[in-house]
Amino acid sequence: MSTTTFPPYDPLTWKQADVDVHVATRDGEYAGFVEFDGSAHLVRDERGADLGSFDDLDDAFRALEQARESERHGFLQSLPRMLRRRPRRARA
């Protein structure tokens, strides 16, 4: 019996674009950004949707990663059950 494995989800890569702006990419594609407005770190996803404000930069980074994970999980749950199953090998 064999099992099918899926590649791990690629993490975000962060680059500091300015003193108060950090930009996230995943596989070379834009994934969102964090901007410091003087009092809090504001997070926006790749579509510009506001994901909240955070006192700590690391919390802001995690918020974008978690939003992406929950979006991915929600997408899988919205698929018909037949398509959510792992592919199985044909028997001879």
C-alpha atoms as a PDB file:
ATOM      1  CA  MET A   1       0.000   0.000   0.000  1.00  0.00           C
ATOM      2  CA  SER A   2       1.368   3.414  -0.876  1.00  0.00           C
ATOM      3  CA  THR A   3       0.361   6.855   0.247  1.00  0.00           C
ATOM      4  CA  THR A   4       0.197  10.026  -1.765  1.00  0.00           C
ATOM      5  CA  THR A   5       2.092  12.981  -0.363  1.00  0.00           C
ATOM      6  CA  PHE A   6       1.522  16.598  -1.229  1.00  0.00           C
ATOM      7  CA  PRO A   7       4.312  19.190  -1.260  1.00  0.00           C
ATOM      8  CA  PRO A   8       4.356  21.503   1.760  1.00  0.00           C
ATOM      9  CA  TYR A   9       2.756  24.900   1.429  1.00  0.00           C
ATOM     10  CA  ASP A  10       5.407  27.468   0.490  1.00  0.00           C
ATOM     11  CA  PRO A  11       6.129  30.071   3.174  1.00  0.00           C
ATOM     12  CA  LEU A  12       6.015  33.804   2.614  1.00  0.00           C
ATOM     13  CA  THR A  13       9.200  35.665   1.738  1.00  0.00           C
ATOM     14  CA  TRP A  14       9.464  39.135   3.250  1.00  0.00           C
ATOM     15  CA  LYS A  15      11.416  42.128   1.941  1.00  0.00           C
ATOM     16  CA  GLN A  16      11.634  45.582   3.464  1.00  0.00           C
ATOM     17  CA  ALA A  17      10.557  48.004   0.735  1.00  0.00           C
ATOM     18  CA  ASP A  18      10.903  51.159   2.850  1.00  0.00           C
ATOM     19  CA  VAL A  19      11.518  52.136   6.461  1.00  0.00           C
ATOM     20  CA  ASP A  20       7.878  51.447   7.335  1.00  0.00           C
ATOM     21  CA  VAL A  21       6.790  48.956   4.632  1.00  0.00           C
ATOM     22  CA  HIS A  22       7.412  45.183   4.329  1.00  0.00           C
ATOM     23  CA  VAL A  23       6.246  43.300   1.232  1.00  0.00           C
ATOM     24  CA  ALA A  24       5.448  39.580   1.133  1.00  0.00           C
ATOM     25  CA  THR A  25       5.795  37.250  -1.854  1.00  0.00           C
ATOM     26  CA  ARG A  26       5.113  33.545  -2.322  1.00  0.00           C
ATOM     27  CA  ASP A  27       6.779  31.737  -5.216  1.00  0.00           C
ATOM     28  CA  GLY A  28       7.720  35.128  -6.681  1.00  0.00           C
ATOM     29  CA  GLU A  29       4.099  36.353  -6.660  1.00  0.00           C
ATOM     30  CA  TYR A  30       2.910  39.332  -4.614  1.00  0.00           C
ATOM     31  CA  ALA A  31       1.127  38.160  -1.451  1.00  0.00           C
ATOM     32  CA  GLY A  32       0.506  41.327   0.581  1.00  0.00           C
ATOM     33  CA  PHE A  33       2.229  43.914   2.738  1.00  0.00           C
ATOM     34  CA  VAL A  34       2.607  45.350   6.225  1.00  0.00           C
ATOM     35  CA  GLU A  35       2.837  49.119   6.746  1.00  0.00           C
ATOM     36  CA  PHE A  36       3.705  50.905   9.985  1.00  0.00           C
ATOM     37  CA  ASP A  37       1.551  54.049  10.363  1.00  0.00           C
ATOM     38  CA  GLY A  38       3.362  55.399  13.429  1.00  0.00           C
ATOM     39  CA  SER A  39       1.237  53.594  15.986  1.00  0.00           C
ATOM     40  CA  ALA A  40       0.406  50.139  14.558  1.00  0.00           C
ATOM     41  CA  HIS A  41       1.356  47.692  11.804  1.00  0.00           C
ATOM     42  CA  LEU A  42      -1.421  47.551   9.188  1.00  0.00           C
ATOM     43  CA  VAL A  43      -1.754  44.338   7.149  1.00  0.00           C
ATOM     44  CA  ARG A  44      -3.255  44.003   3.664  1.00  0.00           C
ATOM     45  CA  ASP A  45      -3.483  40.884   1.519  1.00  0.00           C
ATOM     46  CA  GLU A  46      -2.708  40.524  -2.203  1.00  0.00           C
ATOM     47  CA  ARG A  47      -6.099  42.019  -3.118  1.00  0.00           C
ATOM     48  CA  GLY A  48      -5.716  44.990  -0.770  1.00  0.00           C
ATOM     49  CA  ALA A  49      -8.202  43.683   1.798  1.00  0.00           C
ATOM     50  CA  ASP A  50      -7.521  44.996   5.309  1.00  0.00           C
ATOM     51  CA  LEU A  51      -6.540  42.142   7.645  1.00  0.00           C
ATOM     52  CA  GLY A  52      -6.184  44.277  10.768  1.00  0.00           C
ATOM     53  CA  SER A  53      -3.650  46.276  12.755  1.00  0.00           C
ATOM     54  CA  PHE A  54      -1.091  44.870  15.176  1.00  0.00           C
ATOM     55  CA  ASP A  55       1.252  46.315  17.780  1.00  0.00           C
ATOM     56  CA  ASP A  56       4.046  43.870  16.916  1.00  0.00           C
ATOM     57  CA  LEU A  57       5.589  43.350  13.459  1.00  0.00           C
ATOM     58  CA  ASP A  58       5.854  39.573  13.968  1.00  0.00           C
ATOM     59  CA  ASP A  59       2.136  39.400  14.800  1.00  0.00           C
ATOM     60  CA  ALA A  60       1.403  41.267  11.570  1.00  0.00           C
ATOM     61  CA  PHE A  61       3.544  38.807   9.575  1.00  0.00           C
ATOM     62  CA  ARG A  62       1.718  35.860  11.162  1.00  0.00           C
ATOM     63  CA  ALA A  63      -1.679  37.412  10.408  1.00  0.00           C
ATOM     64  CA  LEU A  64      -0.956  37.463   6.679  1.00  0.00           C
ATOM     65  CA  GLU A  65       0.318  33.870   6.745  1.00  0.00           C
ATOM     66  CA  GLN A  66      -2.722  32.656   8.698  1.00  0.00           C
ATOM     67  CA  ALA A  67      -5.137  34.507   6.424  1.00  0.00           C
ATOM     68  CA  ARG A  68      -3.595  32.746   3.448  1.00  0.00           C
ATOM     69  CA  GLU A  69      -3.809  29.348   5.170  1.00  0.00           C
ATOM     70  CA  SER A  70      -7.446  29.802   6.167  1.00  0.00           C
ATOM     71  CA  GLU A  71      -8.310  30.974   2.647  1.00  0.00           C
ATOM     72  CA  ARG A  72      -6.663  27.874   1.202  1.00  0.00           C
ATOM     73  CA  HIS A  73      -8.459  25.621   3.696  1.00  0.00           C
ATOM     74  CA  GLY A  74     -11.786  27.304   2.954  1.00  0.00           C
ATOM     75  CA  PHE A  75     -11.237  26.750  -0.764  1.00  0.00           C
ATOM     76  CA  LEU A  76     -10.682  23.022  -0.226  1.00  0.00           C
ATOM     77  CA  GLN A  77     -13.817  22.772   1.900  1.00  0.00           C
ATOM     78  CA  SER A  78     -15.873  24.481  -0.799  1.00  0.00           C
ATOM     79  CA  LEU A  79     -14.978  21.801  -3.347  1.00  0.00           C
ATOM     80  CA  PRO A  80     -17.349  18.861  -3.821  1.00  0.00           C
ATOM     81  CA  ARG A  81     -16.417  15.971  -1.568  1.00  0.00           C
ATOM     82  CA  MET A  82     -15.382  13.822  -4.520  1.00  0.00           C
ATOM     83  CA  LEU A  83     -12.715  16.384  -5.503  1.00  0.00           C
ATOM     84  CA  ARG A  84     -11.377  16.775  -1.942  1.00  0.00           C
ATOM     85  CA  ARG A  85     -10.297  13.156  -1.729  1.00  0.00           C
ATOM     86  CA  ARG A  86      -6.716  12.222  -2.288  1.00  0.00           C
ATOM     87  CA  PRO A  87      -6.126  10.521  -5.626  1.00  0.00           C
ATOM     88  CA  ARG A  88      -5.800   6.769  -5.387  1.00  0.00           C
ATOM     89  CA  ARG A  89      -3.791   4.451  -7.510  1.00  0.00           C
ATOM     90  CA  ALA A  90      -5.639   2.141  -9.831  1.00  0.00           C
ATOM     91  CA  ARG A  91      -5.616  -1.509  -8.925  1.00  0.00           C
ATOM     92  CA  ALA A  92      -4.488  -4.054 -11.447  1.00  0.00           C
END
